[in-house]
Amino acid sequence: MSTKQRRATLYLDPGLHRALRLKAAETDRTMSDLVNEAIRLALAEDAEDLAAFDERASEPNLRFEEAVKELHQRGRL
């Protein structure tokens, strides 16, 4: 184990633990590698969502009622 890595105790649902063990054996990777990858992907998705929010922060707000009315007028509803 690298000195850069930290040990953590995780409590997994028994079904998830079994699936993780099987996936690790099937892919010849460690359970830690798979968990680290899953966490990285989840955090990257969160970062993308935050960036999208920042990009759209200056857009005007559209009231729901106005959007529905406009869709109705255009024959979309």
PDB file of N, CA and C in Angstrom:
ATOM      1  N   MET A   1       0.851  -1.179   0.000  1.00  0.00           N
ATOM      2  CA  MET A   1       0.000   0.000   0.000  1.00  0.00           C
ATOM      3  C   MET A   1       0.892   1.234   0.000  1.00  0.00           C
ATOM      4  N   SER A   2       0.598   2.201  -0.867  1.00  0.00           N
ATOM      5  CA  SER A   2       1.339   3.450  -0.958  1.00  0.00           C
ATOM      6  C   SER A   2       1.119   4.291   0.292  1.00  0.00           C
ATOM      7  N   THR A   3       2.109   5.119   0.635  1.00  0.00           N
ATOM      8  CA  THR A   3       1.958   5.989   1.801  1.00  0.00           C
ATOM      9  C   THR A   3       0.940   7.092   1.535  1.00  0.00           C
ATOM     10  N   LYS A   4       0.575   7.307   0.294  1.00  0.00           N
ATOM     11  CA  LYS A   4      -0.419   8.331  -0.041  1.00  0.00           C
ATOM     12  C   LYS A   4      -1.841   7.844   0.201  1.00  0.00           C
ATOM     13  N   GLN A   5      -2.030   6.561   0.317  1.00  0.00           N
ATOM     14  CA  GLN A   5      -3.370   6.027   0.526  1.00  0.00           C
ATOM     15  C   GLN A   5      -3.712   6.022   2.009  1.00  0.00           C
ATOM     16  N   ARG A   6      -4.996   6.137   2.309  1.00  0.00           N
ATOM     17  CA  ARG A   6      -5.497   6.118   3.676  1.00  0.00           C
ATOM     18  C   ARG A   6      -6.417   4.924   3.858  1.00  0.00           C
ATOM     19  N   ARG A   7      -6.365   4.345   5.018  1.00  0.00           N
ATOM     20  CA  ARG A   7      -7.246   3.225   5.342  1.00  0.00           C
ATOM     21  C   ARG A   7      -8.580   3.781   5.829  1.00  0.00           C
ATOM     22  N   ALA A   8      -9.670   3.130   5.417  1.00  0.00           N
ATOM     23  CA  ALA A   8     -11.008   3.523   5.857  1.00  0.00           C
ATOM     24  C   ALA A   8     -11.826   2.262   6.086  1.00  0.00           C
ATOM     25  N   THR A   9     -12.714   2.318   7.023  1.00  0.00           N
ATOM     26  CA  THR A   9     -13.631   1.211   7.269  1.00  0.00           C
ATOM     27  C   THR A   9     -14.973   1.578   6.649  1.00  0.00           C
ATOM     28  N   LEU A  10     -15.445   0.719   5.769  1.00  0.00           N
ATOM     29  CA  LEU A  10     -16.739   0.919   5.120  1.00  0.00           C
ATOM     30  C   LEU A  10     -17.668  -0.213   5.506  1.00  0.00           C
ATOM     31  N   TYR A  11     -18.918   0.115   5.710  1.00  0.00           N
ATOM     32  CA  TYR A  11     -19.928  -0.900   5.979  1.00  0.00           C
ATOM     33  C   TYR A  11     -20.819  -0.975   4.756  1.00  0.00           C
ATOM     34  N   LEU A  12     -20.754  -2.099   4.079  1.00  0.00           N
ATOM     35  CA  LEU A  12     -21.495  -2.285   2.838  1.00  0.00           C
ATOM     36  C   LEU A  12     -22.679  -3.215   3.060  1.00  0.00           C
ATOM     37  N   ASP A  13     -23.720  -2.971   2.292  1.00  0.00           N
ATOM     38  CA  ASP A  13     -24.840  -3.887   2.235  1.00  0.00           C
ATOM     39  C   ASP A  13     -24.285  -5.250   1.799  1.00  0.00           C
ATOM     40  N   PRO A  14     -24.737  -6.348   2.399  1.00  0.00           N
ATOM     41  CA  PRO A  14     -24.185  -7.661   2.040  1.00  0.00           C
ATOM     42  C   PRO A  14     -24.244  -7.979   0.542  1.00  0.00           C
ATOM     43  N   GLY A  15     -25.322  -7.575  -0.102  1.00  0.00           N
ATOM     44  CA  GLY A  15     -25.422  -7.826  -1.542  1.00  0.00           C
ATOM     45  C   GLY A  15     -24.399  -7.030  -2.339  1.00  0.00           C
ATOM     46  N   LEU A  16     -24.183  -5.765  -1.940  1.00  0.00           N
ATOM     47  CA  LEU A  16     -23.168  -4.949  -2.608  1.00  0.00           C
ATOM     48  C   LEU A  16     -21.776  -5.506  -2.364  1.00  0.00           C
ATOM     49  N   HIS A  17     -21.524  -5.963  -1.145  1.00  0.00           N
ATOM     50  CA  HIS A  17     -20.210  -6.529  -0.824  1.00  0.00           C
ATOM     51  C   HIS A  17     -19.924  -7.754  -1.688  1.00  0.00           C
ATOM     52  N   ARG A  18     -20.918  -8.609  -1.811  1.00  0.00           N
ATOM     53  CA  ARG A  18     -20.754  -9.811  -2.639  1.00  0.00           C
ATOM     54  C   ARG A  18     -20.509  -9.434  -4.101  1.00  0.00           C
ATOM     55  N   ALA A  19     -21.294  -8.487  -4.608  1.00  0.00           N
ATOM     56  CA  ALA A  19     -21.125  -8.058  -6.002  1.00  0.00           C
ATOM     57  C   ALA A  19     -19.751  -7.423  -6.209  1.00  0.00           C
ATOM     58  N   LEU A  20     -19.305  -6.643  -5.255  1.00  0.00           N
ATOM     59  CA  LEU A  20     -17.987  -6.009  -5.353  1.00  0.00           C
ATOM     60  C   LEU A  20     -16.880  -7.056  -5.351  1.00  0.00           C
ATOM     61  N   ARG A  21     -17.001  -8.047  -4.464  1.00  0.00           N
ATOM     62  CA  ARG A  21     -16.004  -9.122  -4.421  1.00  0.00           C
ATOM     63  C   ARG A  21     -15.951  -9.871  -5.745  1.00  0.00           C
ATOM     64  N   LEU A  22     -17.129 -10.187  -6.306  1.00  0.00           N
ATOM     65  CA  LEU A  22     -17.179 -10.911  -7.581  1.00  0.00           C
ATOM     66  C   LEU A  22     -16.600 -10.069  -8.714  1.00  0.00           C
ATOM     67  N   LYS A  23     -16.934  -8.781  -8.731  1.00  0.00           N
ATOM     68  CA  LYS A  23     -16.413  -7.889  -9.773  1.00  0.00           C
ATOM     69  C   LYS A  23     -14.896  -7.793  -9.665  1.00  0.00           C
ATOM     70  N   ALA A  24     -14.383  -7.689  -8.456  1.00  0.00           N
ATOM     71  CA  ALA A  24     -12.935  -7.616  -8.257  1.00  0.00           C
ATOM     72  C   ALA A  24     -12.253  -8.879  -8.780  1.00  0.00           C
ATOM     73  N   ALA A  25     -12.813 -10.040  -8.465  1.00  0.00           N
ATOM     74  CA  ALA A  25     -12.234 -11.292  -8.927  1.00  0.00           C
ATOM     75  C   ALA A  25     -12.328 -11.416 -10.449  1.00  0.00           C
ATOM     76  N   GLU A  26     -13.455 -10.999 -10.997  1.00  0.00           N
ATOM     77  CA  GLU A  26     -13.683 -11.105 -12.443  1.00  0.00           C
ATOM     78  C   GLU A  26     -12.740 -10.196 -13.237  1.00  0.00           C
ATOM     79  N   THR A  27     -12.447  -9.016 -12.693  1.00  0.00           N
ATOM     80  CA  THR A  27     -11.636  -8.031 -13.417  1.00  0.00           C
ATOM     81  C   THR A  27     -10.179  -8.020 -12.983  1.00  0.00           C
ATOM     82  N   ASP A  28      -9.834  -8.904 -12.043  1.00  0.00           N
ATOM     83  CA  ASP A  28      -8.474  -8.978 -11.516  1.00  0.00           C
ATOM     84  C   ASP A  28      -8.015  -7.628 -10.956  1.00  0.00           C
ATOM     85  N   ARG A  29      -8.936  -6.971 -10.257  1.00  0.00           N
ATOM     86  CA  ARG A  29      -8.647  -5.703  -9.584  1.00  0.00           C
ATOM     87  C   ARG A  29      -8.995  -5.859  -8.114  1.00  0.00           C
ATOM     88  N   THR A  30      -8.504  -4.971  -7.301  1.00  0.00           N
ATOM     89  CA  THR A  30      -8.851  -5.042  -5.888  1.00  0.00           C
ATOM     90  C   THR A  30     -10.187  -4.358  -5.648  1.00  0.00           C
ATOM     91  N   MET A  31     -10.814  -4.728  -4.546  1.00  0.00           N
ATOM     92  CA  MET A  31     -12.056  -4.069  -4.163  1.00  0.00           C
ATOM     93  C   MET A  31     -11.785  -2.587  -3.928  1.00  0.00           C
ATOM     94  N   SER A  32     -10.644  -2.264  -3.348  1.00  0.00           N
ATOM     95  CA  SER A  32     -10.284  -0.860  -3.111  1.00  0.00           C
ATOM     96  C   SER A  32     -10.191  -0.084  -4.420  1.00  0.00           C
ATOM     97  N   ASP A  33      -9.580  -0.695  -5.439  1.00  0.00           N
ATOM     98  CA  ASP A  33      -9.492  -0.017  -6.742  1.00  0.00           C
ATOM     99  C   ASP A  33     -10.874   0.288  -7.299  1.00  0.00           C
ATOM    100  N   LEU A  34     -11.772  -0.679  -7.200  1.00  0.00           N
ATOM    101  CA  LEU A  34     -13.119  -0.489  -7.724  1.00  0.00           C
ATOM    102  C   LEU A  34     -13.875   0.589  -6.953  1.00  0.00           C
ATOM    103  N   VAL A  35     -13.747   0.586  -5.634  1.00  0.00           N
ATOM    104  CA  VAL A  35     -14.425   1.605  -4.826  1.00  0.00           C
ATOM    105  C   VAL A  35     -13.845   2.984  -5.114  1.00  0.00           C
ATOM    106  N   ASN A  36     -12.512   3.090  -5.196  1.00  0.00           N
ATOM    107  CA  ASN A  36     -11.879   4.377  -5.513  1.00  0.00           C
ATOM    108  C   ASN A  36     -12.350   4.909  -6.862  1.00  0.00           C
ATOM    109  N   GLU A  37     -12.432   4.026  -7.857  1.00  0.00           N
ATOM    110  CA  GLU A  37     -12.894   4.451  -9.175  1.00  0.00           C
ATOM    111  C   GLU A  37     -14.340   4.935  -9.130  1.00  0.00           C
ATOM    112  N   ALA A  38     -15.195   4.218  -8.414  1.00  0.00           N
ATOM    113  CA  ALA A  38     -16.602   4.608  -8.310  1.00  0.00           C
ATOM    114  C   ALA A  38     -16.745   5.968  -7.629  1.00  0.00           C
ATOM    115  N   ILE A  39     -15.959   6.201  -6.598  1.00  0.00           N
ATOM    116  CA  ILE A  39     -16.016   7.486  -5.898  1.00  0.00           C
ATOM    117  C   ILE A  39     -15.508   8.602  -6.800  1.00  0.00           C
ATOM    118  N   ARG A  40     -14.408   8.354  -7.517  1.00  0.00           N
ATOM    119  CA  ARG A  40     -13.885   9.363  -8.455  1.00  0.00           C
ATOM    120  C   ARG A  40     -14.931   9.743  -9.490  1.00  0.00           C
ATOM    121  N   LEU A  41     -15.605   8.740 -10.053  1.00  0.00           N
ATOM    122  CA  LEU A  41     -16.627   8.999 -11.073  1.00  0.00           C
ATOM    123  C   LEU A  41     -17.791   9.801 -10.491  1.00  0.00           C
ATOM    124  N   ALA A  42     -18.225   9.461  -9.285  1.00  0.00           N
ATOM    125  CA  ALA A  42     -19.328  10.182  -8.651  1.00  0.00           C
ATOM    126  C   ALA A  42     -18.943  11.631  -8.380  1.00  0.00           C
ATOM    127  N   LEU A  43     -17.729  11.853  -7.899  1.00  0.00           N
ATOM    128  CA  LEU A  43     -17.280  13.218  -7.618  1.00  0.00           C
ATOM    129  C   LEU A  43     -17.091  14.018  -8.910  1.00  0.00           C
ATOM    130  N   ALA A  44     -16.621  13.360  -9.968  1.00  0.00           N
ATOM    131  CA  ALA A  44     -16.461  14.043 -11.259  1.00  0.00           C
ATOM    132  C   ALA A  44     -17.824  14.464 -11.801  1.00  0.00           C
ATOM    133  N   GLU A  45     -18.829  13.611 -11.628  1.00  0.00           N
ATOM    134  CA  GLU A  45     -20.185  13.949 -12.071  1.00  0.00           C
ATOM    135  C   GLU A  45     -20.715  15.153 -11.285  1.00  0.00           C
ATOM    136  N   ASP A  46     -20.459  15.164  -9.981  1.00  0.00           N
ATOM    137  CA  ASP A  46     -20.863  16.311  -9.160  1.00  0.00           C
ATOM    138  C   ASP A  46     -20.181  17.589  -9.645  1.00  0.00           C
ATOM    139  N   ALA A  47     -18.898  17.497  -9.985  1.00  0.00           N
ATOM    140  CA  ALA A  47     -18.157  18.667 -10.461  1.00  0.00           C
ATOM    141  C   ALA A  47     -18.749  19.168 -11.782  1.00  0.00           C
ATOM    142  N   GLU A  48     -19.136  18.251 -12.662  1.00  0.00           N
ATOM    143  CA  GLU A  48     -19.757  18.639 -13.932  1.00  0.00           C
ATOM    144  C   GLU A  48     -21.086  19.345 -13.683  1.00  0.00           C
ATOM    145  N   ASP A  49     -21.871  18.816 -12.748  1.00  0.00           N
ATOM    146  CA  ASP A  49     -23.154  19.443 -12.415  1.00  0.00           C
ATOM    147  C   ASP A  49     -22.948  20.858 -11.878  1.00  0.00           C
ATOM    148  N   LEU A  50     -21.973  21.031 -10.987  1.00  0.00           N
ATOM    149  CA  LEU A  50     -21.700  22.357 -10.426  1.00  0.00           C
ATOM    150  C   LEU A  50     -21.240  23.328 -11.509  1.00  0.00           C
ATOM    151  N   ALA A  51     -20.427  22.846 -12.450  1.00  0.00           N
ATOM    152  CA  ALA A  51     -19.973  23.699 -13.549  1.00  0.00           C
ATOM    153  C   ALA A  51     -21.160  24.127 -14.413  1.00  0.00           C
ATOM    154  N   ALA A  52     -22.086  23.209 -14.660  1.00  0.00           N
ATOM    155  CA  ALA A  52     -23.273  23.542 -15.456  1.00  0.00           C
ATOM    156  C   ALA A  52     -24.126  24.584 -14.734  1.00  0.00           C
ATOM    157  N   PHE A  53     -24.269  24.453 -13.416  1.00  0.00           N
ATOM    158  CA  PHE A  53     -25.011  25.450 -12.648  1.00  0.00           C
ATOM    159  C   PHE A  53     -24.347  26.813 -12.771  1.00  0.00           C
ATOM    160  N   ASP A  54     -23.016  26.843 -12.650  1.00  0.00           N
ATOM    161  CA  ASP A  54     -22.282  28.108 -12.754  1.00  0.00           C
ATOM    162  C   ASP A  54     -22.468  28.746 -14.127  1.00  0.00           C
ATOM    163  N   GLU A  55     -22.433  27.929 -15.188  1.00  0.00           N
ATOM    164  CA  GLU A  55     -22.588  28.443 -16.547  1.00  0.00           C
ATOM    165  C   GLU A  55     -23.970  29.055 -16.756  1.00  0.00           C
ATOM    166  N   ARG A  56     -24.978  28.511 -16.082  1.00  0.00           N
ATOM    167  CA  ARG A  56     -26.348  28.965 -16.308  1.00  0.00           C
ATOM    168  C   ARG A  56     -26.831  29.962 -15.259  1.00  0.00           C
ATOM    169  N   ALA A  57     -25.944  30.351 -14.350  1.00  0.00           N
ATOM    170  CA  ALA A  57     -26.340  31.225 -13.234  1.00  0.00           C
ATOM    171  C   ALA A  57     -26.888  32.567 -13.710  1.00  0.00           C
ATOM    172  N   SER A  58     -26.396  33.077 -14.833  1.00  0.00           N
ATOM    173  CA  SER A  58     -26.829  34.395 -15.304  1.00  0.00           C
ATOM    174  C   SER A  58     -28.075  34.333 -16.191  1.00  0.00           C
ATOM    175  N   GLU A  59     -28.569  33.133 -16.477  1.00  0.00           N
ATOM    176  CA  GLU A  59     -29.780  33.011 -17.302  1.00  0.00           C
ATOM    177  C   GLU A  59     -30.987  33.502 -16.510  1.00  0.00           C
ATOM    178  N   PRO A  60     -31.947  34.117 -17.196  1.00  0.00           N
ATOM    179  CA  PRO A  60     -33.138  34.589 -16.486  1.00  0.00           C
ATOM    180  C   PRO A  60     -33.977  33.402 -15.989  1.00  0.00           C
ATOM    181  N   ASN A  61     -34.645  33.634 -14.884  1.00  0.00           N
ATOM    182  CA  ASN A  61     -35.544  32.610 -14.343  1.00  0.00           C
ATOM    183  C   ASN A  61     -36.841  32.616 -15.138  1.00  0.00           C
ATOM    184  N   LEU A  62     -37.379  31.442 -15.350  1.00  0.00           N
ATOM    185  CA  LEU A  62     -38.652  31.293 -16.049  1.00  0.00           C
ATOM    186  C   LEU A  62     -39.625  30.632 -15.093  1.00  0.00           C
ATOM    187  N   ARG A  63     -40.728  31.303 -14.835  1.00  0.00           N
ATOM    188  CA  ARG A  63     -41.719  30.737 -13.936  1.00  0.00           C
ATOM    189  C   ARG A  63     -42.383  29.534 -14.587  1.00  0.00           C
ATOM    190  N   PHE A  64     -42.669  28.534 -13.782  1.00  0.00           N
ATOM    191  CA  PHE A  64     -43.272  27.301 -14.266  1.00  0.00           C
ATOM    192  C   PHE A  64     -44.593  27.573 -14.983  1.00  0.00           C
ATOM    193  N   GLU A  65     -45.405  28.424 -14.362  1.00  0.00           N
ATOM    194  CA  GLU A  65     -46.716  28.726 -14.941  1.00  0.00           C
ATOM    195  C   GLU A  65     -46.574  29.340 -16.327  1.00  0.00           C
ATOM    196  N   GLU A  66     -45.581  30.214 -16.498  1.00  0.00           N
ATOM    197  CA  GLU A  66     -45.347  30.836 -17.801  1.00  0.00           C
ATOM    198  C   GLU A  66     -44.902  29.806 -18.829  1.00  0.00           C
ATOM    199  N   ALA A  67     -44.061  28.876 -18.412  1.00  0.00           N
ATOM    200  CA  ALA A  67     -43.582  27.837 -19.326  1.00  0.00           C
ATOM    201  C   ALA A  67     -44.736  26.949 -19.791  1.00  0.00           C
ATOM    202  N   VAL A  68     -45.597  26.577 -18.860  1.00  0.00           N
ATOM    203  CA  VAL A  68     -46.748  25.735 -19.206  1.00  0.00           C
ATOM    204  C   VAL A  68     -47.685  26.486 -20.146  1.00  0.00           C
ATOM    205  N   LYS A  69     -47.941  27.753 -19.844  1.00  0.00           N
ATOM    206  CA  LYS A  69     -48.826  28.566 -20.685  1.00  0.00           C
ATOM    207  C   LYS A  69     -48.267  28.676 -22.103  1.00  0.00           C
ATOM    208  N   GLU A  70     -46.956  28.907 -22.204  1.00  0.00           N
ATOM    209  CA  GLU A  70     -46.325  29.023 -23.523  1.00  0.00           C
ATOM    210  C   GLU A  70     -46.411  27.713 -24.293  1.00  0.00           C
ATOM    211  N   LEU A  71     -46.165  26.591 -23.627  1.00  0.00           N
ATOM    212  CA  LEU A  71     -46.289  25.290 -24.286  1.00  0.00           C
ATOM    213  C   LEU A  71     -47.713  25.036 -24.743  1.00  0.00           C
ATOM    214  N   HIS A  72     -48.658  25.451 -23.945  1.00  0.00           N
ATOM    215  CA  HIS A  72     -50.068  25.299 -24.281  1.00  0.00           C
ATOM    216  C   HIS A  72     -50.412  26.128 -25.527  1.00  0.00           C
ATOM    217  N   GLN A  73     -49.924  27.364 -25.580  1.00  0.00           N
ATOM    218  CA  GLN A  73     -50.190  28.250 -26.709  1.00  0.00           C
ATOM    219  C   GLN A  73     -49.574  27.713 -27.990  1.00  0.00           C
ATOM    220  N   ARG A  74     -48.451  27.029 -27.872  1.00  0.00           N
ATOM    221  CA  ARG A  74     -47.801  26.481 -29.059  1.00  0.00           C
ATOM    222  C   ARG A  74     -48.323  25.100 -29.448  1.00  0.00           C
ATOM    223  N   GLY A  75     -49.326  24.632 -28.688  1.00  0.00           N
ATOM    224  CA  GLY A  75     -49.925  23.343 -29.006  1.00  0.00           C
ATOM    225  C   GLY A  75     -49.091  22.153 -28.597  1.00  0.00           C
ATOM    226  N   ARG A  76     -48.140  22.351 -27.699  1.00  0.00           N
ATOM    227  CA  ARG A  76     -47.270  21.259 -27.249  1.00  0.00           C
ATOM    228  C   ARG A  76     -47.873  20.486 -26.096  1.00  0.00           C
ATOM    229  N   LEU A  77     -48.890  21.063 -25.433  1.00  0.00           N
ATOM    230  CA  LEU A  77     -49.569  20.359 -24.334  1.00  0.00           C
ATOM    231  C   LEU A  77     -51.032  20.201 -24.649  1.00  0.00           C
TER     232      LEU A  77
END
